[in-house]
Every structure is written in structure tokens, then in C-alpha cells.
Amino acid sequence: MFDLPVKLKKEQKAAALFRKNLEKDGFIMHQFSVYMRHCGSLESMQVHIKRVRSFTPDSGRVSILSITDKQYSNMVNIWGKIEKKNKPVAIQLELF
């Protein structure tokens, strides 16, 4: 979970790079500022924590919460409808 400043262009770029680095490291977005990743062991978790520390911007807040598979399996998700964006359909042109 993170809260990074984005008032200045420099801060916006740093926050975007942070999110990009999270995704490169295998994290997926759960909410805009909440990313998650499965780690198979405590050692793996420590490696990823160290990696996140290495690319965290100088300003802002980053919190890492670790939970077990059992705790994760007890999570309750209540989701409403998700709007699907209509993608433009490719049109095949015919030449006469």
C-alpha cells in the first residue's frame, strides 16, 4: 500500500515509475495504490521487500503487509458491476 505525492511533474514521474517497477516485480494492482504479490516463502517475501525498498521514491509512504495463504483465503470480496469499455472493432476494407 502506498501514498506518494503527485503534485509536481517530478513526483508524478516517480510515482508512475514506482508502480511500473512493482508490476515488473510481479505485483498486481488490487486498488490504485494497493498492490499484491504471492510469495511462496518467508525468504521470497524478504527478497521482494528488499527490492521494493530499492525503488521506493524518497518522499511518500509505502507500507508492506504480509499475510499467510490461510488469512488470504478468508478474505471477503464484495464487488459491484464493472463497466466494460467498448473497444473499437477493426473494420476490414474492401477494394474494388
C-alpha atoms as a PDB file:
ATOM      1  CA  MET A   1       0.000   0.000   0.000  1.00  0.00           C
ATOM      2  CA  PHE A   2       1.357   3.392  -0.776  1.00  0.00           C
ATOM      3  CA  ASP A   3       0.592   7.091  -0.773  1.00  0.00           C
ATOM      4  CA  LEU A   4       3.007   9.051  -2.914  1.00  0.00           C
ATOM      5  CA  PRO A   5       2.930  12.786  -3.631  1.00  0.00           C
ATOM      6  CA  VAL A   6       1.943  13.671  -7.216  1.00  0.00           C
ATOM      7  CA  LYS A   7       1.634  17.472  -7.215  1.00  0.00           C
ATOM      8  CA  LEU A   8       4.789  18.138  -9.231  1.00  0.00           C
ATOM      9  CA  LYS A   9       5.700  16.573 -12.593  1.00  0.00           C
ATOM     10  CA  LYS A  10       8.799  15.069 -10.971  1.00  0.00           C
ATOM     11  CA  GLU A  11       6.634  13.430  -8.273  1.00  0.00           C
ATOM     12  CA  GLN A  12       4.176  12.119 -10.878  1.00  0.00           C
ATOM     13  CA  LYS A  13       7.012  10.507 -12.817  1.00  0.00           C
ATOM     14  CA  ALA A  14       8.451   8.974  -9.636  1.00  0.00           C
ATOM     15  CA  ALA A  15       5.043   7.535  -8.663  1.00  0.00           C
ATOM     16  CA  ALA A  16       4.488   6.136 -12.174  1.00  0.00           C
ATOM     17  CA  LEU A  17       7.953   4.559 -12.167  1.00  0.00           C
ATOM     18  CA  PHE A  18       7.253   3.049  -8.728  1.00  0.00           C
ATOM     19  CA  ARG A  19       4.038   1.421  -9.998  1.00  0.00           C
ATOM     20  CA  LYS A  20       5.824   0.200 -13.122  1.00  0.00           C
ATOM     21  CA  ASN A  21       8.592  -1.351 -11.005  1.00  0.00           C
ATOM     22  CA  LEU A  22       6.021  -3.071  -8.786  1.00  0.00           C
ATOM     23  CA  GLU A  23       4.444  -4.657 -11.858  1.00  0.00           C
ATOM     24  CA  LYS A  24       7.874  -5.700 -13.181  1.00  0.00           C
ATOM     25  CA  ASP A  25       8.453  -7.452  -9.857  1.00  0.00           C
ATOM     26  CA  GLY A  26       5.247  -9.474 -10.220  1.00  0.00           C
ATOM     27  CA  PHE A  27       2.843  -7.348  -8.200  1.00  0.00           C
ATOM     28  CA  ILE A  28      -0.731  -6.896  -9.420  1.00  0.00           C
ATOM     29  CA  MET A  29      -2.968  -3.923  -8.737  1.00  0.00           C
ATOM     30  CA  HIS A  30      -5.774  -4.647  -6.274  1.00  0.00           C
ATOM     31  CA  GLN A  31      -6.739  -0.973  -5.993  1.00  0.00           C
ATOM     32  CA  PHE A  32      -4.971   2.077  -7.381  1.00  0.00           C
ATOM     33  CA  SER A  33      -2.490   2.369  -4.502  1.00  0.00           C
ATOM     34  CA  VAL A  34      -2.750  -1.210  -3.260  1.00  0.00           C
ATOM     35  CA  TYR A  35      -0.695  -3.881  -4.989  1.00  0.00           C
ATOM     36  CA  MET A  36      -0.263  -7.505  -4.001  1.00  0.00           C
ATOM     37  CA  ARG A  37       2.030 -10.384  -4.787  1.00  0.00           C
ATOM     38  CA  HIS A  38       2.181 -14.013  -3.716  1.00  0.00           C
ATOM     39  CA  CYS A  39       5.416 -15.146  -2.122  1.00  0.00           C
ATOM     40  CA  GLY A  40       5.909 -18.865  -1.601  1.00  0.00           C
ATOM     41  CA  SER A  41       8.165 -18.496   1.434  1.00  0.00           C
ATOM     42  CA  LEU A  42       9.400 -16.080   4.064  1.00  0.00           C
ATOM     43  CA  GLU A  43      12.737 -15.866   2.248  1.00  0.00           C
ATOM     44  CA  SER A  44      10.995 -14.915  -1.004  1.00  0.00           C
ATOM     45  CA  MET A  45       8.996 -12.258   0.821  1.00  0.00           C
ATOM     46  CA  GLN A  46      12.171 -10.743   2.263  1.00  0.00           C
ATOM     47  CA  VAL A  47      13.742 -10.600  -1.211  1.00  0.00           C
ATOM     48  CA  HIS A  48      10.735  -8.705  -2.586  1.00  0.00           C
ATOM     49  CA  ILE A  49      10.608  -6.336   0.385  1.00  0.00           C
ATOM     50  CA  LYS A  50      14.266  -5.502  -0.208  1.00  0.00           C
ATOM     51  CA  ARG A  51      13.547  -4.950  -3.907  1.00  0.00           C
ATOM     52  CA  VAL A  52      10.591  -2.638  -3.171  1.00  0.00           C
ATOM     53  CA  ARG A  53      12.773  -0.645  -0.781  1.00  0.00           C
ATOM     54  CA  SER A  54      15.340  -0.203  -3.546  1.00  0.00           C
ATOM     55  CA  PHE A  55      12.914   1.544  -5.914  1.00  0.00           C
ATOM     56  CA  THR A  56      10.726   3.424  -3.419  1.00  0.00           C
ATOM     57  CA  PRO A  57      10.744   7.213  -4.027  1.00  0.00           C
ATOM     58  CA  ASP A  58      12.346   9.466  -1.427  1.00  0.00           C
ATOM     59  CA  SER A  59       9.024  11.068  -0.449  1.00  0.00           C
ATOM     60  CA  GLY A  60       5.695   9.467   0.379  1.00  0.00           C
ATOM     61  CA  ARG A  61       4.682   6.408   2.344  1.00  0.00           C
ATOM     62  CA  VAL A  62       4.899   2.730   1.493  1.00  0.00           C
ATOM     63  CA  SER A  63       3.523   0.040   3.823  1.00  0.00           C
ATOM     64  CA  ILE A  64       4.006  -3.684   3.317  1.00  0.00           C
ATOM     65  CA  LEU A  65       1.555  -6.053   4.961  1.00  0.00           C
ATOM     66  CA  SER A  66       2.278  -9.757   4.833  1.00  0.00           C
ATOM     67  CA  ILE A  67      -0.438 -12.323   5.373  1.00  0.00           C
ATOM     68  CA  THR A  68      -0.460 -16.102   5.151  1.00  0.00           C
ATOM     69  CA  ASP A  69      -2.253 -18.099   2.454  1.00  0.00           C
ATOM     70  CA  LYS A  70      -4.818 -19.110   5.081  1.00  0.00           C
ATOM     71  CA  GLN A  71      -5.521 -15.488   6.014  1.00  0.00           C
ATOM     72  CA  TYR A  72      -5.799 -14.511   2.343  1.00  0.00           C
ATOM     73  CA  SER A  73      -8.256 -17.341   1.689  1.00  0.00           C
ATOM     74  CA  ASN A  74     -10.531 -15.868   4.376  1.00  0.00           C
ATOM     75  CA  MET A  75     -10.759 -12.508   2.593  1.00  0.00           C
ATOM     76  CA  VAL A  76     -14.278 -11.485   1.628  1.00  0.00           C
ATOM     77  CA  ASN A  77     -14.610  -9.534  -1.637  1.00  0.00           C
ATOM     78  CA  ILE A  78     -17.842  -7.732  -2.453  1.00  0.00           C
ATOM     79  CA  TRP A  79     -17.697  -6.370  -5.976  1.00  0.00           C
ATOM     80  CA  GLY A  80     -20.271  -4.374  -7.844  1.00  0.00           C
ATOM     81  CA  LYS A  81     -20.642  -4.287 -11.587  1.00  0.00           C
ATOM     82  CA  ILE A  82     -17.527  -3.419 -13.514  1.00  0.00           C
ATOM     83  CA  GLU A  83     -18.146  -1.347 -16.600  1.00  0.00           C
ATOM     84  CA  LYS A  84     -16.548  -2.744 -19.710  1.00  0.00           C
ATOM     85  CA  LYS A  85     -15.114  -0.235 -22.108  1.00  0.00           C
ATOM     86  CA  ASN A  86     -16.241  -0.828 -25.652  1.00  0.00           C
ATOM     87  CA  LYS A  87     -13.194  -1.399 -27.771  1.00  0.00           C
ATOM     88  CA  PRO A  88     -13.421  -0.188 -31.333  1.00  0.00           C
ATOM     89  CA  VAL A  89     -13.960  -3.045 -33.759  1.00  0.00           C
ATOM     90  CA  ALA A  90     -11.442  -3.302 -36.555  1.00  0.00           C
ATOM     91  CA  ILE A  91     -13.078  -2.769 -39.934  1.00  0.00           C
ATOM     92  CA  GLN A  92     -11.837  -4.738 -42.888  1.00  0.00           C
ATOM     93  CA  LEU A  93     -11.669  -2.639 -46.011  1.00  0.00           C
ATOM     94  CA  GLU A  94     -12.606  -3.997 -49.391  1.00  0.00           C
ATOM     95  CA  LEU A  95     -11.038  -2.609 -52.528  1.00  0.00           C
ATOM     96  CA  PHE A  96     -12.930  -2.694 -55.819  1.00  0.00           C
END
